[in-house]
Amino acid sequence: MKTELVTTLKRQATKILKEIREHREPVLITEHGQPSAYLVDVEHFEHMQQKLTLLEGLARGEKAIAEGRVVSHEEATVYLKRWLE
């Protein structure tokens, strides 16, 4: 992964953004020698957001199972039929 100073980003933003689009590799931006932000292309960011949404849903399901908050298939069918009416 490439690392750039924030001052380089300020001076060469167009060039850095072009490289991100071409290489599909995040760029770590540093300020005062410390990590400050990552720059990623839009497609990569949206893909990560979709993955996070899916993983959060799976985690909620796992938690519900662990807490015993489940219903039988028959109960779910009845509930969904009522909900869809």
Foldseek 3Di string as FASTA:
>chain_A
DAEDEVVCCVVPVVVVVVCQVVVQDWYFYDYPNHTDDIDGDPVVVVVVVVVVVVVVVVVVVVVCVVVVVDDDPVVVVVVVVVVVD
